[in-house]
Amino acid sequence: MTVKLNRKALDHARGLVEKGTVVRDERDDWSEDAPSADAENAFIEKHGWEQYALWHLGEDAEKNEETKGRYSFPYGDFAKVHRCAVISLESRAAQNDHDDIARASKKLLEQVDGE
């Protein structure tokens, strides 16, 4: 698995934070705030894979573009950036040696907390 930083998604997240489209929730809220599989499927059905990809900081180019397995490290609920998601993905990225994603998410968290 070759997961790399999805720069388009990072730019999208930064833009959302700049606009104030953020939920400043607590660290452990992501388990309840994360979109369900049904919500993900509905989003893909309505908006397509390209938009789905914009909500994930990780991308595995070795996997098919039209599979959920290609995208990882979600940072929001398809409407807003969630602080808890950014914290969660930073931790998981660091634990799994995805240093570029961990660094980007740390900076994104600083942006969320600084706005």
PDB file of N, CA and C in Angstrom:
ATOM      1  N   MET A   1       0.847  -1.177   0.000  1.00  0.00           N
ATOM      2  CA  MET A   1       0.000   0.000   0.000  1.00  0.00           C
ATOM      3  C   MET A   1       0.891   1.239   0.000  1.00  0.00           C
ATOM      4  N   THR A   2       0.670   2.101  -0.970  1.00  0.00           N
ATOM      5  CA  THR A   2       1.454   3.306  -1.121  1.00  0.00           C
ATOM      6  C   THR A   2       0.538   4.521  -0.970  1.00  0.00           C
ATOM      7  N   VAL A   3       0.282   4.889   0.247  1.00  0.00           N
ATOM      8  CA  VAL A   3      -0.598   6.016   0.518  1.00  0.00           C
ATOM      9  C   VAL A   3       0.235   7.298   0.533  1.00  0.00           C
ATOM     10  N   LYS A   4      -0.190   8.248  -0.262  1.00  0.00           N
ATOM     11  CA  LYS A   4       0.492   9.543  -0.374  1.00  0.00           C
ATOM     12  C   LYS A   4      -0.474  10.659   0.008  1.00  0.00           C
ATOM     13  N   LEU A   5       0.085  11.810   0.310  1.00  0.00           N
ATOM     14  CA  LEU A   5      -0.713  12.981   0.619  1.00  0.00           C
ATOM     15  C   LEU A   5      -1.497  13.408  -0.619  1.00  0.00           C
ATOM     16  N   ASN A   6      -2.791  13.588  -0.436  1.00  0.00           N
ATOM     17  CA  ASN A   6      -3.674  14.087  -1.493  1.00  0.00           C
ATOM     18  C   ASN A   6      -3.672  15.619  -1.382  1.00  0.00           C
ATOM     19  N   ARG A   7      -2.848  16.257  -2.179  1.00  0.00           N
ATOM     20  CA  ARG A   7      -2.661  17.707  -2.084  1.00  0.00           C
ATOM     21  C   ARG A   7      -3.927  18.494  -2.437  1.00  0.00           C
ATOM     22  N   LYS A   8      -4.705  17.975  -3.380  1.00  0.00           N
ATOM     23  CA  LYS A   8      -5.966  18.650  -3.709  1.00  0.00           C
ATOM     24  C   LYS A   8      -6.901  18.648  -2.504  1.00  0.00           C
ATOM     25  N   ALA A   9      -6.924  17.545  -1.779  1.00  0.00           N
ATOM     26  CA  ALA A   9      -7.766  17.464  -0.584  1.00  0.00           C
ATOM     27  C   ALA A   9      -7.256  18.414   0.499  1.00  0.00           C
ATOM     28  N   LEU A  10      -5.944  18.502   0.635  1.00  0.00           N
ATOM     29  CA  LEU A  10      -5.372  19.420   1.620  1.00  0.00           C
ATOM     30  C   LEU A  10      -5.742  20.861   1.281  1.00  0.00           C
ATOM     31  N   ASP A  11      -5.647  21.231   0.018  1.00  0.00           N
ATOM     32  CA  ASP A  11      -6.036  22.579  -0.405  1.00  0.00           C
ATOM     33  C   ASP A  11      -7.516  22.824  -0.136  1.00  0.00           C
ATOM     34  N   HIS A  12      -8.331  21.822  -0.396  1.00  0.00           N
ATOM     35  CA  HIS A  12      -9.768  21.916  -0.135  1.00  0.00           C
ATOM     36  C   HIS A  12     -10.030  22.133   1.353  1.00  0.00           C
ATOM     37  N   ALA A  13      -9.364  21.360   2.181  1.00  0.00           N
ATOM     38  CA  ALA A  13      -9.536  21.495   3.635  1.00  0.00           C
ATOM     39  C   ALA A  13      -9.105  22.870   4.112  1.00  0.00           C
ATOM     40  N   ARG A  14      -7.972  23.339   3.633  1.00  0.00           N
ATOM     41  CA  ARG A  14      -7.478  24.667   4.030  1.00  0.00           C
ATOM     42  C   ARG A  14      -8.478  25.757   3.641  1.00  0.00           C
ATOM     43  N   GLY A  15      -9.035  25.632   2.445  1.00  0.00           N
ATOM     44  CA  GLY A  15     -10.021  26.605   1.986  1.00  0.00           C
ATOM     45  C   GLY A  15     -11.265  26.610   2.859  1.00  0.00           C
ATOM     46  N   LEU A  16     -11.705  25.426   3.252  1.00  0.00           N
ATOM     47  CA  LEU A  16     -12.870  25.336   4.132  1.00  0.00           C
ATOM     48  C   LEU A  16     -12.592  25.992   5.479  1.00  0.00           C
ATOM     49  N   VAL A  17     -11.406  25.749   6.011  1.00  0.00           N
ATOM     50  CA  VAL A  17     -11.039  26.357   7.303  1.00  0.00           C
ATOM     51  C   VAL A  17     -10.984  27.870   7.166  1.00  0.00           C
ATOM     52  N   GLU A  18     -10.420  28.357   6.076  1.00  0.00           N
ATOM     53  CA  GLU A  18     -10.355  29.808   5.853  1.00  0.00           C
ATOM     54  C   GLU A  18     -11.747  30.432   5.836  1.00  0.00           C
ATOM     55  N   LYS A  19     -12.722  29.693   5.314  1.00  0.00           N
ATOM     56  CA  LYS A  19     -14.103  30.176   5.249  1.00  0.00           C
ATOM     57  C   LYS A  19     -14.847  29.994   6.571  1.00  0.00           C
ATOM     58  N   GLY A  20     -14.216  29.300   7.517  1.00  0.00           N
ATOM     59  CA  GLY A  20     -14.882  29.053   8.800  1.00  0.00           C
ATOM     60  C   GLY A  20     -15.813  27.858   8.783  1.00  0.00           C
ATOM     61  N   THR A  21     -15.660  27.012   7.797  1.00  0.00           N
ATOM     62  CA  THR A  21     -16.509  25.833   7.656  1.00  0.00           C
ATOM     63  C   THR A  21     -15.897  24.694   8.470  1.00  0.00           C
ATOM     64  N   VAL A  22     -15.966  24.848   9.788  1.00  0.00           N
ATOM     65  CA  VAL A  22     -15.261  23.962  10.718  1.00  0.00           C
ATOM     66  C   VAL A  22     -16.149  23.642  11.913  1.00  0.00           C
ATOM     67  N   VAL A  23     -16.036  22.413  12.393  1.00  0.00           N
ATOM     68  CA  VAL A  23     -16.633  22.025  13.667  1.00  0.00           C
ATOM     69  C   VAL A  23     -15.480  21.864  14.643  1.00  0.00           C
ATOM     70  N   ARG A  24     -15.476  22.667  15.675  1.00  0.00           N
ATOM     71  CA  ARG A  24     -14.397  22.611  16.668  1.00  0.00           C
ATOM     72  C   ARG A  24     -14.825  21.698  17.811  1.00  0.00           C
ATOM     73  N   ASP A  25     -14.813  20.430  17.518  1.00  0.00           N
ATOM     74  CA  ASP A  25     -15.244  19.424  18.480  1.00  0.00           C
ATOM     75  C   ASP A  25     -14.052  18.864  19.244  1.00  0.00           C
ATOM     76  N   GLU A  26     -14.330  17.919  20.099  1.00  0.00           N
ATOM     77  CA  GLU A  26     -13.301  17.346  20.966  1.00  0.00           C
ATOM     78  C   GLU A  26     -12.643  16.135  20.313  1.00  0.00           C
ATOM     79  N   ARG A  27     -11.495  15.791  20.812  1.00  0.00           N
ATOM     80  CA  ARG A  27     -10.649  14.734  20.273  1.00  0.00           C
ATOM     81  C   ARG A  27     -11.408  13.439  19.960  1.00  0.00           C
ATOM     82  N   ASP A  28     -12.222  12.969  20.856  1.00  0.00           N
ATOM     83  CA  ASP A  28     -12.848  11.650  20.712  1.00  0.00           C
ATOM     84  C   ASP A  28     -14.205  11.673  20.015  1.00  0.00           C
ATOM     85  N   ASP A  29     -14.612  12.814  19.475  1.00  0.00           N
ATOM     86  CA  ASP A  29     -15.929  12.922  18.851  1.00  0.00           C
ATOM     87  C   ASP A  29     -16.012  12.286  17.463  1.00  0.00           C
ATOM     88  N   TRP A  30     -14.878  12.019  16.834  1.00  0.00           N
ATOM     89  CA  TRP A  30     -14.902  11.549  15.452  1.00  0.00           C
ATOM     90  C   TRP A  30     -15.622  10.214  15.303  1.00  0.00           C
ATOM     91  N   SER A  31     -15.564   9.352  16.296  1.00  0.00           N
ATOM     92  CA  SER A  31     -16.251   8.062  16.181  1.00  0.00           C
ATOM     93  C   SER A  31     -17.755   8.259  16.003  1.00  0.00           C
ATOM     94  N   GLU A  32     -18.291   9.332  16.533  1.00  0.00           N
ATOM     95  CA  GLU A  32     -19.721   9.621  16.374  1.00  0.00           C
ATOM     96  C   GLU A  32     -19.999  10.551  15.198  1.00  0.00           C
ATOM     97  N   ASP A  33     -19.050  11.405  14.857  1.00  0.00           N
ATOM     98  CA  ASP A  33     -19.256  12.398  13.804  1.00  0.00           C
ATOM     99  C   ASP A  33     -18.912  11.895  12.402  1.00  0.00           C
ATOM    100  N   ALA A  34     -18.134  10.841  12.310  1.00  0.00           N
ATOM    101  CA  ALA A  34     -17.705  10.332  11.003  1.00  0.00           C
ATOM    102  C   ALA A  34     -18.911   9.861  10.193  1.00  0.00           C
ATOM    103  N   PRO A  35     -18.910  10.138   8.896  1.00  0.00           N
ATOM    104  CA  PRO A  35     -20.015   9.679   8.062  1.00  0.00           C
ATOM    105  C   PRO A  35     -20.100   8.151   8.043  1.00  0.00           C
ATOM    106  N   SER A  36     -21.309   7.645   8.038  1.00  0.00           N
ATOM    107  CA  SER A  36     -21.535   6.198   7.940  1.00  0.00           C
ATOM    108  C   SER A  36     -21.247   5.740   6.507  1.00  0.00           C
ATOM    109  N   ALA A  37     -21.168   4.437   6.331  1.00  0.00           N
ATOM    110  CA  ALA A  37     -20.972   3.896   4.982  1.00  0.00           C
ATOM    111  C   ALA A  37     -22.124   4.311   4.071  1.00  0.00           C
ATOM    112  N   ASP A  38     -23.336   4.339   4.596  1.00  0.00           N
ATOM    113  CA  ASP A  38     -24.490   4.765   3.802  1.00  0.00           C
ATOM    114  C   ASP A  38     -24.372   6.234   3.404  1.00  0.00           C
ATOM    115  N   ALA A  39     -23.898   7.073   4.330  1.00  0.00           N
ATOM    116  CA  ALA A  39     -23.714   8.495   4.016  1.00  0.00           C
ATOM    117  C   ALA A  39     -22.621   8.677   2.962  1.00  0.00           C
ATOM    118  N   GLU A  40     -21.561   7.891   3.070  1.00  0.00           N
ATOM    119  CA  GLU A  40     -20.503   7.945   2.058  1.00  0.00           C
ATOM    120  C   GLU A  40     -21.056   7.555   0.691  1.00  0.00           C
ATOM    121  N   ASN A  41     -21.796   6.465   0.654  1.00  0.00           N
ATOM    122  CA  ASN A  41     -22.369   6.001  -0.622  1.00  0.00           C
ATOM    123  C   ASN A  41     -23.312   7.036  -1.224  1.00  0.00           C
ATOM    124  N   ALA A  42     -24.122   7.662  -0.390  1.00  0.00           N
ATOM    125  CA  ALA A  42     -25.047   8.693  -0.872  1.00  0.00           C
ATOM    126  C   ALA A  42     -24.271   9.895  -1.425  1.00  0.00           C
ATOM    127  N   PHE A  43     -23.198  10.264  -0.744  1.00  0.00           N
ATOM    128  CA  PHE A  43     -22.373  11.382  -1.214  1.00  0.00           C
ATOM    129  C   PHE A  43     -21.752  11.048  -2.567  1.00  0.00           C
ATOM    130  N   ILE A  44     -21.201   9.848  -2.699  1.00  0.00           N
ATOM    131  CA  ILE A  44     -20.583   9.433  -3.964  1.00  0.00           C
ATOM    132  C   ILE A  44     -21.627   9.415  -5.073  1.00  0.00           C
ATOM    133  N   GLU A  45     -22.797   8.890  -4.765  1.00  0.00           N
ATOM    134  CA  GLU A  45     -23.880   8.826  -5.752  1.00  0.00           C
ATOM    135  C   GLU A  45     -24.261  10.222  -6.253  1.00  0.00           C
ATOM    136  N   LYS A  46     -24.310  11.168  -5.353  1.00  0.00           N
ATOM    137  CA  LYS A  46     -24.741  12.533  -5.693  1.00  0.00           C
ATOM    138  C   LYS A  46     -23.625  13.374  -6.296  1.00  0.00           C
ATOM    139  N   HIS A  47     -22.399  13.245  -5.768  1.00  0.00           N
ATOM    140  CA  HIS A  47     -21.307  14.148  -6.140  1.00  0.00           C
ATOM    141  C   HIS A  47     -20.164  13.501  -6.919  1.00  0.00           C
ATOM    142  N   GLY A  48     -20.058  12.191  -6.874  1.00  0.00           N
ATOM    143  CA  GLY A  48     -19.014  11.499  -7.628  1.00  0.00           C
ATOM    144  C   GLY A  48     -17.728  11.279  -6.842  1.00  0.00           C
ATOM    145  N   TRP A  49     -16.848  10.488  -7.439  1.00  0.00           N
ATOM    146  CA  TRP A  49     -15.605  10.078  -6.792  1.00  0.00           C
ATOM    147  C   TRP A  49     -14.615  11.226  -6.629  1.00  0.00           C
ATOM    148  N   GLU A  50     -14.600  12.143  -7.583  1.00  0.00           N
ATOM    149  CA  GLU A  50     -13.654  13.251  -7.497  1.00  0.00           C
ATOM    150  C   GLU A  50     -13.930  14.103  -6.257  1.00  0.00           C
ATOM    151  N   GLN A  51     -15.194  14.374  -5.984  1.00  0.00           N
ATOM    152  CA  GLN A  51     -15.556  15.139  -4.790  1.00  0.00           C
ATOM    153  C   GLN A  51     -15.306  14.329  -3.519  1.00  0.00           C
ATOM    154  N   TYR A  52     -15.581  13.030  -3.575  1.00  0.00           N
ATOM    155  CA  TYR A  52     -15.312  12.151  -2.425  1.00  0.00           C
ATOM    156  C   TYR A  52     -13.820  12.210  -2.078  1.00  0.00           C
ATOM    157  N   ALA A  53     -12.973  12.179  -3.085  1.00  0.00           N
ATOM    158  CA  ALA A  53     -11.517  12.207  -2.878  1.00  0.00           C
ATOM    159  C   ALA A  53     -11.080  13.477  -2.158  1.00  0.00           C
ATOM    160  N   LEU A  54     -11.770  14.584  -2.390  1.00  0.00           N
ATOM    161  CA  LEU A  54     -11.388  15.857  -1.776  1.00  0.00           C
ATOM    162  C   LEU A  54     -11.554  15.871  -0.263  1.00  0.00           C
ATOM    163  N   TRP A  55     -12.228  14.883   0.283  1.00  0.00           N
ATOM    164  CA  TRP A  55     -12.449  14.810   1.730  1.00  0.00           C
ATOM    165  C   TRP A  55     -11.507  13.838   2.427  1.00  0.00           C
ATOM    166  N   HIS A  56     -10.434  13.416   1.727  1.00  0.00           N
ATOM    167  CA  HIS A  56      -9.483  12.439   2.269  1.00  0.00           C
ATOM    168  C   HIS A  56      -8.051  12.888   1.994  1.00  0.00           C
ATOM    169  N   LEU A  57      -7.247  13.005   3.048  1.00  0.00           N
ATOM    170  CA  LEU A  57      -5.863  13.452   2.876  1.00  0.00           C
ATOM    171  C   LEU A  57      -4.946  12.349   2.365  1.00  0.00           C
ATOM    172  N   GLY A  58      -5.385  11.102   2.402  1.00  0.00           N
ATOM    173  CA  GLY A  58      -4.572  10.001   1.903  1.00  0.00           C
ATOM    174  C   GLY A  58      -5.155   9.417   0.628  1.00  0.00           C
ATOM    175  N   GLU A  59      -4.245   9.056  -0.296  1.00  0.00           N
ATOM    176  CA  GLU A  59      -4.672   8.432  -1.549  1.00  0.00           C
ATOM    177  C   GLU A  59      -3.655   7.385  -1.969  1.00  0.00           C
ATOM    178  N   ASP A  60      -4.153   6.208  -2.303  1.00  0.00           N
ATOM    179  CA  ASP A  60      -3.322   5.108  -2.770  1.00  0.00           C
ATOM    180  C   ASP A  60      -3.530   4.964  -4.271  1.00  0.00           C
ATOM    181  N   ALA A  61      -2.606   5.508  -5.054  1.00  0.00           N
ATOM    182  CA  ALA A  61      -2.730   5.522  -6.511  1.00  0.00           C
ATOM    183  C   ALA A  61      -2.694   4.131  -7.130  1.00  0.00           C
ATOM    184  N   GLU A  62      -2.310   3.121  -6.368  1.00  0.00           N
ATOM    185  CA  GLU A  62      -2.278   1.757  -6.880  1.00  0.00           C
ATOM    186  C   GLU A  62      -3.671   1.136  -6.908  1.00  0.00           C
ATOM    187  N   LYS A  63      -4.619   1.767  -6.246  1.00  0.00           N
ATOM    188  CA  LYS A  63      -5.984   1.245  -6.195  1.00  0.00           C
ATOM    189  C   LYS A  63      -6.877   2.015  -7.160  1.00  0.00           C
ATOM    190  N   ASN A  64      -7.933   1.369  -7.592  1.00  0.00           N
ATOM    191  CA  ASN A  64      -8.879   1.944  -8.540  1.00  0.00           C
ATOM    192  C   ASN A  64      -9.457   3.254  -8.001  1.00  0.00           C
ATOM    193  N   GLU A  65      -9.554   4.262  -8.878  1.00  0.00           N
ATOM    194  CA  GLU A  65     -10.067   5.572  -8.485  1.00  0.00           C
ATOM    195  C   GLU A  65     -11.507   5.521  -8.002  1.00  0.00           C
ATOM    196  N   GLU A  66     -12.253   4.542  -8.418  1.00  0.00           N
ATOM    197  CA  GLU A  66     -13.660   4.458  -8.047  1.00  0.00           C
ATOM    198  C   GLU A  66     -13.896   3.379  -6.998  1.00  0.00           C
ATOM    199  N   THR A  67     -13.027   3.368  -5.988  1.00  0.00           N
ATOM    200  CA  THR A  67     -13.210   2.494  -4.837  1.00  0.00           C
ATOM    201  C   THR A  67     -12.875   3.279  -3.573  1.00  0.00           C
ATOM    202  N   LYS A  68     -13.586   2.988  -2.520  1.00  0.00           N
ATOM    203  CA  LYS A  68     -13.310   3.663  -1.252  1.00  0.00           C
ATOM    204  C   LYS A  68     -11.927   3.314  -0.727  1.00  0.00           C
ATOM    205  N   GLY A  69     -11.432   2.128  -1.084  1.00  0.00           N
ATOM    206  CA  GLY A  69     -10.125   1.690  -0.624  1.00  0.00           C
ATOM    207  C   GLY A  69      -8.977   2.564  -1.098  1.00  0.00           C
ATOM    208  N   ARG A  70      -9.203   3.343  -2.123  1.00  0.00           N
ATOM    209  CA  ARG A  70      -8.160   4.237  -2.635  1.00  0.00           C
ATOM    210  C   ARG A  70      -7.926   5.418  -1.693  1.00  0.00           C
ATOM    211  N   TYR A  71      -8.959   5.816  -0.954  1.00  0.00           N
ATOM    212  CA  TYR A  71      -8.926   7.049  -0.168  1.00  0.00           C
ATOM    213  C   TYR A  71      -8.916   6.755   1.326  1.00  0.00           C
ATOM    214  N   SER A  72      -8.099   7.506   2.052  1.00  0.00           N
ATOM    215  CA  SER A  72      -7.988   7.298   3.499  1.00  0.00           C
ATOM    216  C   SER A  72      -7.743   8.640   4.189  1.00  0.00           C
ATOM    217  N   PHE A  73      -7.794   8.615   5.478  1.00  0.00           N
ATOM    218  CA  PHE A  73      -7.571   9.788   6.310  1.00  0.00           C
ATOM    219  C   PHE A  73      -8.585  10.904   6.043  1.00  0.00           C
ATOM    220  N   PRO A  74      -9.877  10.618   6.293  1.00  0.00           N
ATOM    221  CA  PRO A  74     -10.902  11.651   6.126  1.00  0.00           C
ATOM    222  C   PRO A  74     -10.762  12.741   7.179  1.00  0.00           C
ATOM    223  N   TYR A  75     -11.110  13.957   6.807  1.00  0.00           N
ATOM    224  CA  TYR A  75     -10.986  15.091   7.730  1.00  0.00           C
ATOM    225  C   TYR A  75     -12.318  15.791   7.998  1.00  0.00           C
ATOM    226  N   GLY A  76     -13.400  15.281   7.446  1.00  0.00           N
ATOM    227  CA  GLY A  76     -14.677  15.938   7.657  1.00  0.00           C
ATOM    228  C   GLY A  76     -15.855  15.087   7.254  1.00  0.00           C
ATOM    229  N   ASP A  77     -17.024  15.717   7.294  1.00  0.00           N
ATOM    230  CA  ASP A  77     -18.280  14.995   7.086  1.00  0.00           C
ATOM    231  C   ASP A  77     -18.946  15.334   5.756  1.00  0.00           C
ATOM    232  N   PHE A  78     -18.188  15.790   4.785  1.00  0.00           N
ATOM    233  CA  PHE A  78     -18.649  16.201   3.454  1.00  0.00           C
ATOM    234  C   PHE A  78     -19.343  17.555   3.464  1.00  0.00           C
ATOM    235  N   ALA A  79     -19.321  18.225   4.610  1.00  0.00           N
ATOM    236  CA  ALA A  79     -19.857  19.570   4.695  1.00  0.00           C
ATOM    237  C   ALA A  79     -18.883  20.491   5.432  1.00  0.00           C
ATOM    238  N   LYS A  80     -18.272  19.965   6.492  1.00  0.00           N
ATOM    239  CA  LYS A  80     -17.370  20.762   7.320  1.00  0.00           C
ATOM    240  C   LYS A  80     -16.143  19.955   7.722  1.00  0.00           C
ATOM    241  N   VAL A  81     -15.051  20.665   7.955  1.00  0.00           N
ATOM    242  CA  VAL A  81     -13.853  20.068   8.539  1.00  0.00           C
ATOM    243  C   VAL A  81     -14.158  19.844  10.022  1.00  0.00           C
ATOM    244  N   HIS A  82     -13.809  18.675  10.522  1.00  0.00           N
ATOM    245  CA  HIS A  82     -13.994  18.380  11.941  1.00  0.00           C
ATOM    246  C   HIS A  82     -12.628  18.328  12.619  1.00  0.00           C
ATOM    247  N   ARG A  83     -12.480  19.129  13.651  1.00  0.00           N
ATOM    248  CA  ARG A  83     -11.235  19.158  14.418  1.00  0.00           C
ATOM    249  C   ARG A  83     -10.880  17.753  14.903  1.00  0.00           C
ATOM    250  N   CYS A  84     -11.865  17.017  15.386  1.00  0.00           N
ATOM    251  CA  CYS A  84     -11.615  15.674  15.906  1.00  0.00           C
ATOM    252  C   CYS A  84     -11.102  14.738  14.814  1.00  0.00           C
ATOM    253  N   ALA A  85     -11.569  14.908  13.586  1.00  0.00           N
ATOM    254  CA  ALA A  85     -11.095  14.074  12.478  1.00  0.00           C
ATOM    255  C   ALA A  85      -9.639  14.364  12.167  1.00  0.00           C
ATOM    256  N   VAL A  86      -9.275  15.638  12.200  1.00  0.00           N
ATOM    257  CA  VAL A  86      -7.895  16.031  11.915  1.00  0.00           C
ATOM    258  C   VAL A  86      -6.963  15.475  12.989  1.00  0.00           C
ATOM    259  N   ILE A  87      -7.392  15.547  14.245  1.00  0.00           N
ATOM    260  CA  ILE A  87      -6.587  14.983  15.338  1.00  0.00           C
ATOM    261  C   ILE A  87      -6.424  13.482  15.136  1.00  0.00           C
ATOM    262  N   SER A  88      -7.512  12.805  14.827  1.00  0.00           N
ATOM    263  CA  SER A  88      -7.482  11.354  14.633  1.00  0.00           C
ATOM    264  C   SER A  88      -6.573  10.963  13.470  1.00  0.00           C
ATOM    265  N   LEU A  89      -6.708  11.670  12.362  1.00  0.00           N
ATOM    266  CA  LEU A  89      -5.895  11.281  11.209  1.00  0.00           C
ATOM    267  C   LEU A  89      -4.427  11.599  11.415  1.00  0.00           C
ATOM    268  N   GLU A  90      -4.130  12.665  12.141  1.00  0.00           N
ATOM    269  CA  GLU A  90      -2.722  12.970  12.431  1.00  0.00           C
ATOM    270  C   GLU A  90      -2.090  11.834  13.229  1.00  0.00           C
ATOM    271  N   SER A  91      -2.805  11.363  14.227  1.00  0.00           N
ATOM    272  CA  SER A  91      -2.307  10.268  15.070  1.00  0.00           C
ATOM    273  C   SER A  91      -2.115   8.984  14.261  1.00  0.00           C
ATOM    274  N   ARG A  92      -3.121   8.617  13.470  1.00  0.00           N
ATOM    275  CA  ARG A  92      -3.028   7.390  12.659  1.00  0.00           C
ATOM    276  C   ARG A  92      -1.933   7.484  11.612  1.00  0.00           C
ATOM    277  N   ALA A  93      -1.791   8.650  10.999  1.00  0.00           N
ATOM    278  CA  ALA A  93      -0.749   8.826   9.983  1.00  0.00           C
ATOM    279  C   ALA A  93       0.637   8.666  10.598  1.00  0.00           C
ATOM    280  N   ALA A  94       0.836   9.270  11.760  1.00  0.00           N
ATOM    281  CA  ALA A  94       2.133   9.164  12.438  1.00  0.00           C
ATOM    282  C   ALA A  94       2.415   7.722  12.849  1.00  0.00           C
ATOM    283  N   GLN A  95       1.419   7.037  13.361  1.00  0.00           N
ATOM    284  CA  GLN A  95       1.594   5.644  13.798  1.00  0.00           C
ATOM    285  C   GLN A  95       1.948   4.727  12.640  1.00  0.00           C
ATOM    286  N   ASN A  96       1.470   5.062  11.439  1.00  0.00           N
ATOM    287  CA  ASN A  96       1.684   4.209  10.275  1.00  0.00           C
ATOM    288  C   ASN A  96       2.750   4.738   9.321  1.00  0.00           C
ATOM    289  N   ASP A  97       3.587   5.645   9.831  1.00  0.00           N
ATOM    290  CA  ASP A  97       4.729   6.178   9.079  1.00  0.00           C
ATOM    291  C   ASP A  97       4.350   6.886   7.777  1.00  0.00           C
ATOM    292  N   HIS A  98       3.203   7.558   7.785  1.00  0.00           N
ATOM    293  CA  HIS A  98       2.819   8.419   6.658  1.00  0.00           C
ATOM    294  C   HIS A  98       3.181   9.849   7.063  1.00  0.00           C
ATOM    295  N   ASP A  99       4.482  10.103   7.046  1.00  0.00           N
ATOM    296  CA  ASP A  99       5.000  11.357   7.592  1.00  0.00           C
ATOM    297  C   ASP A  99       4.469  12.594   6.883  1.00  0.00           C
ATOM    298  N   ASP A 100       4.307  12.522   5.563  1.00  0.00           N
ATOM    299  CA  ASP A 100       3.811  13.690   4.832  1.00  0.00           C
ATOM    300  C   ASP A 100       2.377  14.019   5.235  1.00  0.00           C
ATOM    301  N   ILE A 101       1.567  13.009   5.441  1.00  0.00           N
ATOM    302  CA  ILE A 101       0.176  13.215   5.862  1.00  0.00           C
ATOM    303  C   ILE A 101       0.137  13.705   7.307  1.00  0.00           C
ATOM    304  N   ALA A 102       0.977  13.148   8.156  1.00  0.00           N
ATOM    305  CA  ALA A 102       1.023  13.573   9.559  1.00  0.00           C
ATOM    306  C   ALA A 102       1.430  15.042   9.658  1.00  0.00           C
ATOM    307  N   ARG A 103       2.437  15.456   8.906  1.00  0.00           N
ATOM    308  CA  ARG A 103       2.877  16.858   8.933  1.00  0.00           C
ATOM    309  C   ARG A 103       1.787  17.795   8.417  1.00  0.00           C
ATOM    310  N   ALA A 104       1.163  17.403   7.319  1.00  0.00           N
ATOM    311  CA  ALA A 104       0.110  18.239   6.734  1.00  0.00           C
ATOM    312  C   ALA A 104      -1.075  18.364   7.684  1.00  0.00           C
ATOM    313  N   SER A 105      -1.437  17.269   8.339  1.00  0.00           N
ATOM    314  CA  SER A 105      -2.576  17.318   9.247  1.00  0.00           C
ATOM    315  C   SER A 105      -2.256  18.136  10.492  1.00  0.00           C
ATOM    316  N   LYS A 106      -1.011  18.092  10.928  1.00  0.00           N
ATOM    317  CA  LYS A 106      -0.605  18.916  12.079  1.00  0.00           C
ATOM    318  C   LYS A 106      -0.748  20.399  11.745  1.00  0.00           C
ATOM    319  N   LYS A 107      -0.317  20.786  10.549  1.00  0.00           N
ATOM    320  CA  LYS A 107      -0.453  22.179  10.122  1.00  0.00           C
ATOM    321  C   LYS A 107      -1.924  22.556   9.943  1.00  0.00           C
ATOM    322  N   LEU A 108      -2.719  21.606   9.434  1.00  0.00           N
ATOM    323  CA  LEU A 108      -4.149  21.857   9.282  1.00  0.00           C
ATOM    324  C   LEU A 108      -4.805  22.063  10.651  1.00  0.00           C
ATOM    325  N   LEU A 109      -4.408  21.265  11.634  1.00  0.00           N
ATOM    326  CA  LEU A 109      -4.937  21.415  12.981  1.00  0.00           C
ATOM    327  C   LEU A 109      -4.562  22.779  13.560  1.00  0.00           C
ATOM    328  N   GLU A 110      -3.332  23.191  13.311  1.00  0.00           N
ATOM    329  CA  GLU A 110      -2.913  24.529  13.774  1.00  0.00           C
ATOM    330  C   GLU A 110      -3.765  25.611  13.133  1.00  0.00           C
ATOM    331  N   GLN A 111      -4.095  25.429  11.870  1.00  0.00           N
ATOM    332  CA  GLN A 111      -4.953  26.386  11.176  1.00  0.00           C
ATOM    333  C   GLN A 111      -6.359  26.373  11.791  1.00  0.00           C
ATOM    334  N   VAL A 112      -6.895  25.199  12.059  1.00  0.00           N
ATOM    335  CA  VAL A 112      -8.217  25.088  12.677  1.00  0.00           C
ATOM    336  C   VAL A 112      -8.223  25.790  14.043  1.00  0.00           C
ATOM    337  N   ASP A 113      -7.216  25.511  14.829  1.00  0.00           N
ATOM    338  CA  ASP A 113      -7.156  26.089  16.188  1.00  0.00           C
ATOM    339  C   ASP A 113      -6.848  27.579  16.173  1.00  0.00           C
ATOM    340  N   GLY A 114      -6.213  28.054  15.109  1.00  0.00           N
ATOM    341  CA  GLY A 114      -5.851  29.461  15.040  1.00  0.00           C
ATOM    342  C   GLY A 114      -6.945  30.357  14.487  1.00  0.00           C
ATOM    343  N   GLU A 115      -7.903  29.771  13.798  1.00  0.00           N
ATOM    344  CA  GLU A 115      -8.978  30.579  13.184  1.00  0.00           C
ATOM    345  C   GLU A 115      -9.935  31.081  14.230  1.00  0.00           C
TER     346      GLU A 115
END
